[in-house]
């Protein structure tokens, strides 16, 4: 793991408070991690055949497990 020192203007700290600024930084890092994961998935996407039998079975299992929830959400919109 890399330790990184960040300098933030005192005005920002006074305006928002140290705890909130720390929260902003943590949220930014969390979003960056999600973006990196999404990029990796998109890079792999061309090699995935969604018509393959195992994907069809996975979709059926997911629908059986969670499909009712999605229908409820759509119906309530």
PDB file of N, CA and C in Angstrom:
ATOM      1  N   UNK A   1       0.854  -1.172   0.000  1.00  0.00           N
ATOM      2  CA  UNK A   1       0.000   0.000   0.000  1.00  0.00           C
ATOM      3  C   UNK A   1       0.900   1.236   0.000  1.00  0.00           C
ATOM      4  N   UNK A   2       0.488   2.259  -0.674  1.00  0.00           N
ATOM      5  CA  UNK A   2       1.234   3.500  -0.753  1.00  0.00           C
ATOM      6  C   UNK A   2       0.613   4.530   0.172  1.00  0.00           C
ATOM      7  N   UNK A   3       1.460   5.199   0.918  1.00  0.00           N
ATOM      8  CA  UNK A   3       0.994   6.294   1.759  1.00  0.00           C
ATOM      9  C   UNK A   3       1.154   7.576   0.962  1.00  0.00           C
ATOM     10  N   UNK A   4       0.132   8.389   0.971  1.00  0.00           N
ATOM     11  CA  UNK A   4       0.114   9.605   0.180  1.00  0.00           C
ATOM     12  C   UNK A   4      -0.209  10.778   1.076  1.00  0.00           C
ATOM     13  N   UNK A   5       0.609  11.797   1.008  1.00  0.00           N
ATOM     14  CA  UNK A   5       0.368  13.004   1.790  1.00  0.00           C
ATOM     15  C   UNK A   5      -0.330  14.022   0.884  1.00  0.00           C
ATOM     16  N   UNK A   6      -1.457  14.525   1.367  1.00  0.00           N
ATOM     17  CA  UNK A   6      -2.243  15.483   0.594  1.00  0.00           C
ATOM     18  C   UNK A   6      -2.330  16.774   1.381  1.00  0.00           C
ATOM     19  N   UNK A   7      -2.040  17.868   0.741  1.00  0.00           N
ATOM     20  CA  UNK A   7      -2.170  19.164   1.387  1.00  0.00           C
ATOM     21  C   UNK A   7      -3.468  19.813   0.918  1.00  0.00           C
ATOM     22  N   UNK A   8      -4.270  20.220   1.891  1.00  0.00           N
ATOM     23  CA  UNK A   8      -5.556  20.834   1.601  1.00  0.00           C
ATOM     24  C   UNK A   8      -5.564  22.213   2.234  1.00  0.00           C
ATOM     25  N   UNK A   9      -5.999  23.183   1.477  1.00  0.00           N
ATOM     26  CA  UNK A   9      -6.030  24.560   1.957  1.00  0.00           C
ATOM     27  C   UNK A   9      -6.816  24.659   3.265  1.00  0.00           C
ATOM     28  N   UNK A  10      -6.303  25.430   4.206  1.00  0.00           N
ATOM     29  CA  UNK A  10      -6.957  25.604   5.509  1.00  0.00           C
ATOM     30  C   UNK A  10      -8.383  26.128   5.374  1.00  0.00           C
ATOM     31  N   UNK A  11      -8.625  26.933   4.360  1.00  0.00           N
ATOM     32  CA  UNK A  11      -9.966  27.470   4.137  1.00  0.00           C
ATOM     33  C   UNK A  11     -10.980  26.334   3.936  1.00  0.00           C
ATOM     34  N   UNK A  12     -10.576  25.318   3.177  1.00  0.00           N
ATOM     35  CA  UNK A  12     -11.452  24.169   2.930  1.00  0.00           C
ATOM     36  C   UNK A  12     -11.737  23.449   4.249  1.00  0.00           C
ATOM     37  N   UNK A  13     -10.704  23.237   5.048  1.00  0.00           N
ATOM     38  CA  UNK A  13     -10.872  22.542   6.332  1.00  0.00           C
ATOM     39  C   UNK A  13     -11.772  23.352   7.260  1.00  0.00           C
ATOM     40  N   UNK A  14     -11.549  24.653   7.317  1.00  0.00           N
ATOM     41  CA  UNK A  14     -12.399  25.505   8.173  1.00  0.00           C
ATOM     42  C   UNK A  14     -13.838  25.526   7.673  1.00  0.00           C
ATOM     43  N   UNK A  15     -14.008  25.516   6.376  1.00  0.00           N
ATOM     44  CA  UNK A  15     -15.353  25.612   5.802  1.00  0.00           C
ATOM     45  C   UNK A  15     -16.176  24.343   6.029  1.00  0.00           C
ATOM     46  N   UNK A  16     -15.551  23.196   5.812  1.00  0.00           N
ATOM     47  CA  UNK A  16     -16.281  21.937   5.882  1.00  0.00           C
ATOM     48  C   UNK A  16     -16.035  21.153   7.168  1.00  0.00           C
ATOM     49  N   UNK A  17     -14.895  21.369   7.769  1.00  0.00           N
ATOM     50  CA  UNK A  17     -14.500  20.571   8.930  1.00  0.00           C
ATOM     51  C   UNK A  17     -13.638  19.402   8.485  1.00  0.00           C
ATOM     52  N   UNK A  18     -12.666  19.044   9.323  1.00  0.00           N
ATOM     53  CA  UNK A  18     -11.716  17.994   8.970  1.00  0.00           C
ATOM     54  C   UNK A  18     -12.412  16.659   8.713  1.00  0.00           C
ATOM     55  N   UNK A  19     -13.374  16.305   9.559  1.00  0.00           N
ATOM     56  CA  UNK A  19     -14.039  15.017   9.415  1.00  0.00           C
ATOM     57  C   UNK A  19     -14.775  14.906   8.076  1.00  0.00           C
ATOM     58  N   UNK A  20     -15.452  15.976   7.675  1.00  0.00           N
ATOM     59  CA  UNK A  20     -16.186  15.949   6.415  1.00  0.00           C
ATOM     60  C   UNK A  20     -15.234  15.867   5.227  1.00  0.00           C
ATOM     61  N   UNK A  21     -14.119  16.588   5.297  1.00  0.00           N
ATOM     62  CA  UNK A  21     -13.131  16.527   4.215  1.00  0.00           C
ATOM     63  C   UNK A  21     -12.557  15.115   4.120  1.00  0.00           C
ATOM     64  N   UNK A  22     -12.284  14.496   5.267  1.00  0.00           N
ATOM     65  CA  UNK A  22     -11.807  13.113   5.259  1.00  0.00           C
ATOM     66  C   UNK A  22     -12.841  12.198   4.616  1.00  0.00           C
ATOM     67  N   UNK A  23     -14.112  12.439   4.911  1.00  0.00           N
ATOM     68  CA  UNK A  23     -15.191  11.647   4.317  1.00  0.00           C
ATOM     69  C   UNK A  23     -15.230  11.855   2.807  1.00  0.00           C
ATOM     70  N   UNK A  24     -15.068  13.102   2.348  1.00  0.00           N
ATOM     71  CA  UNK A  24     -15.040  13.391   0.903  1.00  0.00           C
ATOM     72  C   UNK A  24     -13.927  12.587   0.224  1.00  0.00           C
ATOM     73  N   UNK A  25     -12.759  12.577   0.844  1.00  0.00           N
ATOM     74  CA  UNK A  25     -11.616  11.869   0.258  1.00  0.00           C
ATOM     75  C   UNK A  25     -11.904  10.366   0.197  1.00  0.00           C
ATOM     76  N   UNK A  26     -12.443   9.803   1.277  1.00  0.00           N
ATOM     77  CA  UNK A  26     -12.768   8.376   1.296  1.00  0.00           C
ATOM     78  C   UNK A  26     -13.806   8.034   0.226  1.00  0.00           C
ATOM     79  N   UNK A  27     -14.820   8.876   0.073  1.00  0.00           N
ATOM     80  CA  UNK A  27     -15.846   8.635  -0.949  1.00  0.00           C
ATOM     81  C   UNK A  27     -15.245   8.701  -2.351  1.00  0.00           C
ATOM     82  N   UNK A  28     -14.341   9.654  -2.565  1.00  0.00           N
ATOM     83  CA  UNK A  28     -13.686   9.779  -3.864  1.00  0.00           C
ATOM     84  C   UNK A  28     -12.879   8.520  -4.179  1.00  0.00           C
ATOM     85  N   UNK A  29     -12.130   8.033  -3.196  1.00  0.00           N
ATOM     86  CA  UNK A  29     -11.333   6.821  -3.392  1.00  0.00           C
ATOM     87  C   UNK A  29     -12.244   5.623  -3.660  1.00  0.00           C
ATOM     88  N   UNK A  30     -13.343   5.520  -2.926  1.00  0.00           N
ATOM     89  CA  UNK A  30     -14.295   4.423  -3.140  1.00  0.00           C
ATOM     90  C   UNK A  30     -14.856   4.455  -4.551  1.00  0.00           C
ATOM     91  N   UNK A  31     -15.211   5.642  -5.030  1.00  0.00           N
ATOM     92  CA  UNK A  31     -15.738   5.766  -6.398  1.00  0.00           C
ATOM     93  C   UNK A  31     -14.666   5.430  -7.429  1.00  0.00           C
ATOM     94  N   UNK A  32     -13.425   5.815  -7.152  1.00  0.00           N
ATOM     95  CA  UNK A  32     -12.327   5.498  -8.070  1.00  0.00           C
ATOM     96  C   UNK A  32     -12.132   3.985  -8.153  1.00  0.00           C
ATOM     97  N   UNK A  33     -12.238   3.296  -7.028  1.00  0.00           N
ATOM     98  CA  UNK A  33     -12.112   1.835  -7.016  1.00  0.00           C
ATOM     99  C   UNK A  33     -13.231   1.202  -7.834  1.00  0.00           C
ATOM    100  N   UNK A  34     -14.458   1.706  -7.689  1.00  0.00           N
ATOM    101  CA  UNK A  34     -15.575   1.179  -8.479  1.00  0.00           C
ATOM    102  C   UNK A  34     -15.370   1.418  -9.972  1.00  0.00           C
ATOM    103  N   UNK A  35     -14.865   2.595 -10.325  1.00  0.00           N
ATOM    104  CA  UNK A  35     -14.603   2.895 -11.735  1.00  0.00           C
ATOM    105  C   UNK A  35     -13.537   1.968 -12.295  1.00  0.00           C
ATOM    106  N   UNK A  36     -12.512   1.690 -11.504  1.00  0.00           N
ATOM    107  CA  UNK A  36     -11.464   0.784 -11.945  1.00  0.00           C
ATOM    108  C   UNK A  36     -12.024  -0.623 -12.163  1.00  0.00           C
ATOM    109  N   UNK A  37     -12.859  -1.078 -11.242  1.00  0.00           N
ATOM    110  CA  UNK A  37     -13.481  -2.398 -11.388  1.00  0.00           C
ATOM    111  C   UNK A  37     -14.360  -2.440 -12.633  1.00  0.00           C
ATOM    112  N   UNK A  38     -15.124  -1.377 -12.860  1.00  0.00           N
ATOM    113  CA  UNK A  38     -15.985  -1.319 -14.050  1.00  0.00           C
ATOM    114  C   UNK A  38     -15.148  -1.343 -15.325  1.00  0.00           C
ATOM    115  N   UNK A  39     -14.043  -0.637 -15.317  1.00  0.00           N
ATOM    116  CA  UNK A  39     -13.153  -0.629 -16.488  1.00  0.00           C
ATOM    117  C   UNK A  39     -12.622  -2.027 -16.764  1.00  0.00           C
ATOM    118  N   UNK A  40     -12.225  -2.731 -15.709  1.00  0.00           N
ATOM    119  CA  UNK A  40     -11.726  -4.091 -15.886  1.00  0.00           C
ATOM    120  C   UNK A  40     -12.808  -5.005 -16.448  1.00  0.00           C
ATOM    121  N   UNK A  41     -14.034  -4.838 -15.972  1.00  0.00           N
ATOM    122  CA  UNK A  41     -15.145  -5.644 -16.488  1.00  0.00           C
ATOM    123  C   UNK A  41     -15.381  -5.328 -17.965  1.00  0.00           C
ATOM    124  N   UNK A  42     -15.378  -4.041 -18.300  1.00  0.00           N
ATOM    125  CA  UNK A  42     -15.597  -3.657 -19.705  1.00  0.00           C
ATOM    126  C   UNK A  42     -14.478  -4.168 -20.600  1.00  0.00           C
ATOM    127  N   UNK A  43     -13.247  -4.181 -20.074  1.00  0.00           N
ATOM    128  CA  UNK A  43     -12.134  -4.722 -20.865  1.00  0.00           C
ATOM    129  C   UNK A  43     -12.330  -6.206 -21.152  1.00  0.00           C
ATOM    130  N   UNK A  44     -12.933  -6.930 -20.211  1.00  0.00           N
ATOM    131  CA  UNK A  44     -13.168  -8.366 -20.379  1.00  0.00           C
ATOM    132  C   UNK A  44     -14.425  -8.671 -21.185  1.00  0.00           C
ATOM    133  N   UNK A  45     -15.305  -7.715 -21.319  1.00  0.00           N
ATOM    134  CA  UNK A  45     -16.613  -7.953 -21.932  1.00  0.00           C
ATOM    135  C   UNK A  45     -16.550  -8.576 -23.328  1.00  0.00           C
ATOM    136  N   UNK A  46     -15.657  -8.135 -24.208  1.00  0.00           N
ATOM    137  CA  UNK A  46     -15.645  -8.745 -25.551  1.00  0.00           C
ATOM    138  C   UNK A  46     -15.370 -10.251 -25.538  1.00  0.00           C
ATOM    139  N   UNK A  47     -14.735 -10.743 -24.495  1.00  0.00           N
ATOM    140  CA  UNK A  47     -14.411 -12.168 -24.460  1.00  0.00           C
ATOM    141  C   UNK A  47     -15.518 -13.013 -23.828  1.00  0.00           C
ATOM    142  N   UNK A  48     -16.604 -12.371 -23.398  1.00  0.00           N
ATOM    143  CA  UNK A  48     -17.695 -13.094 -22.744  1.00  0.00           C
ATOM    144  C   UNK A  48     -18.807 -13.363 -23.752  1.00  0.00           C
ATOM    145  N   UNK A  49     -19.206 -14.614 -23.836  1.00  0.00           N
ATOM    146  CA  UNK A  49     -20.309 -15.007 -24.713  1.00  0.00           C
ATOM    147  C   UNK A  49     -21.557 -15.173 -23.847  1.00  0.00           C
ATOM    148  N   UNK A  50     -22.443 -14.160 -23.852  1.00  0.00           N
ATOM    149  CA  UNK A  50     -23.615 -14.212 -22.976  1.00  0.00           C
ATOM    150  C   UNK A  50     -24.659 -15.217 -23.441  1.00  0.00           C
ATOM    151  N   UNK A  51     -24.489 -15.764 -24.624  1.00  0.00           N
ATOM    152  CA  UNK A  51     -25.408 -16.800 -25.095  1.00  0.00           C
ATOM    153  C   UNK A  51     -24.930 -18.199 -24.706  1.00  0.00           C
ATOM    154  N   UNK A  52     -23.796 -18.264 -24.022  1.00  0.00           N
ATOM    155  CA  UNK A  52     -23.286 -19.542 -23.536  1.00  0.00           C
ATOM    156  C   UNK A  52     -24.266 -20.118 -22.507  1.00  0.00           C
ATOM    157  N   UNK A  53     -24.375 -21.434 -22.451  1.00  0.00           N
ATOM    158  CA  UNK A  53     -25.351 -22.096 -21.599  1.00  0.00           C
ATOM    159  C   UNK A  53     -25.215 -21.692 -20.131  1.00  0.00           C
ATOM    160  N   UNK A  54     -23.997 -21.573 -19.625  1.00  0.00           N
ATOM    161  CA  UNK A  54     -23.839 -21.242 -18.199  1.00  0.00           C
ATOM    162  C   UNK A  54     -24.374 -19.842 -17.891  1.00  0.00           C
ATOM    163  N   UNK A  55     -24.289 -18.913 -18.858  1.00  0.00           N
ATOM    164  CA  UNK A  55     -24.843 -17.570 -18.648  1.00  0.00           C
ATOM    165  C   UNK A  55     -26.365 -17.612 -18.657  1.00  0.00           C
ATOM    166  N   UNK A  56     -26.930 -18.427 -19.533  1.00  0.00           N
ATOM    167  CA  UNK A  56     -28.385 -18.575 -19.575  1.00  0.00           C
ATOM    168  C   UNK A  56     -28.901 -19.122 -18.249  1.00  0.00           C
ATOM    169  N   UNK A  57     -28.215 -20.130 -17.718  1.00  0.00           N
ATOM    170  CA  UNK A  57     -28.618 -20.707 -16.435  1.00  0.00           C
ATOM    171  C   UNK A  57     -28.465 -19.694 -15.302  1.00  0.00           C
ATOM    172  N   UNK A  58     -27.398 -18.915 -15.328  1.00  0.00           N
ATOM    173  CA  UNK A  58     -27.173 -17.905 -14.292  1.00  0.00           C
ATOM    174  C   UNK A  58     -28.270 -16.840 -14.332  1.00  0.00           C
ATOM    175  N   UNK A  59     -28.685 -16.431 -15.538  1.00  0.00           N
ATOM    176  CA  UNK A  59     -29.763 -15.449 -15.656  1.00  0.00           C
ATOM    177  C   UNK A  59     -31.071 -16.006 -15.098  1.00  0.00           C
ATOM    178  N   UNK A  60     -31.356 -17.267 -15.386  1.00  0.00           N
ATOM    179  CA  UNK A  60     -32.584 -17.890 -14.869  1.00  0.00           C
ATOM    180  C   UNK A  60     -32.563 -17.941 -13.341  1.00  0.00           C
ATOM    181  N   UNK A  61     -31.428 -18.325 -12.757  1.00  0.00           N
ATOM    182  CA  UNK A  61     -31.327 -18.386 -11.296  1.00  0.00           C
ATOM    183  C   UNK A  61     -31.469 -16.995 -10.684  1.00  0.00           C
ATOM    184  N   UNK A  62     -30.859 -15.998 -11.307  1.00  0.00           N
ATOM    185  CA  UNK A  62     -30.949 -14.630 -10.787  1.00  0.00           C
ATOM    186  C   UNK A  62     -32.387 -14.125 -10.858  1.00  0.00           C
ATOM    187  N   UNK A  63     -33.071 -14.439 -11.939  1.00  0.00           N
ATOM    188  CA  UNK A  63     -34.459 -13.997 -12.073  1.00  0.00           C
ATOM    189  C   UNK A  63     -35.341 -14.662 -11.019  1.00  0.00           C
ATOM    190  N   UNK A  64     -35.140 -15.971 -10.801  1.00  0.00           N
ATOM    191  CA  UNK A  64     -35.924 -16.679  -9.788  1.00  0.00           C
ATOM    192  C   UNK A  64     -35.671 -16.096  -8.402  1.00  0.00           C
ATOM    193  N   UNK A  65     -34.426 -15.711  -8.134  1.00  0.00           N
ATOM    194  CA  UNK A  65     -34.067 -15.206  -6.817  1.00  0.00           C
ATOM    195  C   UNK A  65     -34.522 -13.766  -6.612  1.00  0.00           C
ATOM    196  N   UNK A  66     -34.432 -12.919  -7.639  1.00  0.00           N
ATOM    197  CA  UNK A  66     -34.659 -11.487  -7.449  1.00  0.00           C
ATOM    198  C   UNK A  66     -35.675 -10.871  -8.388  1.00  0.00           C
ATOM    199  N   UNK A  67     -36.206 -11.605  -9.314  1.00  0.00           N
ATOM    200  CA  UNK A  67     -37.102 -11.043 -10.322  1.00  0.00           C
ATOM    201  C   UNK A  67     -38.331 -10.371  -9.744  1.00  0.00           C
ATOM    202  N   UNK A  68     -38.909 -10.964  -8.717  1.00  0.00           N
ATOM    203  CA  UNK A  68     -40.104 -10.390  -8.103  1.00  0.00           C
ATOM    204  C   UNK A  68     -39.813  -8.999  -7.554  1.00  0.00           C
ATOM    205  N   UNK A  69     -38.621  -8.805  -6.992  1.00  0.00           N
ATOM    206  CA  UNK A  69     -38.248  -7.494  -6.467  1.00  0.00           C
ATOM    207  C   UNK A  69     -38.268  -6.449  -7.576  1.00  0.00           C
ATOM    208  N   UNK A  70     -37.697  -6.781  -8.726  1.00  0.00           N
ATOM    209  CA  UNK A  70     -37.637  -5.819  -9.820  1.00  0.00           C
ATOM    210  C   UNK A  70     -39.021  -5.504 -10.358  1.00  0.00           C
ATOM    211  N   UNK A  71     -39.881  -6.503 -10.417  1.00  0.00           N
ATOM    212  CA  UNK A  71     -41.240  -6.244 -10.868  1.00  0.00           C
ATOM    213  C   UNK A  71     -41.960  -5.310  -9.900  1.00  0.00           C
ATOM    214  N   UNK A  72     -41.742  -5.484  -8.603  1.00  0.00           N
ATOM    215  CA  UNK A  72     -42.357  -4.632  -7.603  1.00  0.00           C
ATOM    216  C   UNK A  72     -41.855  -3.192  -7.739  1.00  0.00           C
ATOM    217  N   UNK A  73     -40.557  -3.025  -7.927  1.00  0.00           N
ATOM    218  CA  UNK A  73     -39.987  -1.692  -8.058  1.00  0.00           C
ATOM    219  C   UNK A  73     -40.536  -0.998  -9.291  1.00  0.00           C
ATOM    220  N   UNK A  74     -40.592  -1.697 -10.412  1.00  0.00           N
ATOM    221  CA  UNK A  74     -41.102  -1.103 -11.656  1.00  0.00           C
ATOM    222  C   UNK A  74     -42.567  -0.753 -11.504  1.00  0.00           C
ATOM    223  N   UNK A  75     -43.337  -1.632 -10.873  1.00  0.00           N
ATOM    224  CA  UNK A  75     -44.770  -1.397 -10.715  1.00  0.00           C
ATOM    225  C   UNK A  75     -45.040  -0.208  -9.795  1.00  0.00           C
ATOM    226  N   UNK A  76     -44.154   0.060  -8.860  1.00  0.00           N
ATOM    227  CA  UNK A  76     -44.349   1.166  -7.929  1.00  0.00           C
ATOM    228  C   UNK A  76     -43.844   2.510  -8.452  1.00  0.00           C
ATOM    229  N   UNK A  77     -43.174   2.524  -9.579  1.00  0.00           N
ATOM    230  CA  UNK A  77     -42.662   3.791 -10.128  1.00  0.00           C
ATOM    231  C   UNK A  77     -43.744   4.655 -10.703  1.00  0.00           C
TER     232      UNK A  77
END
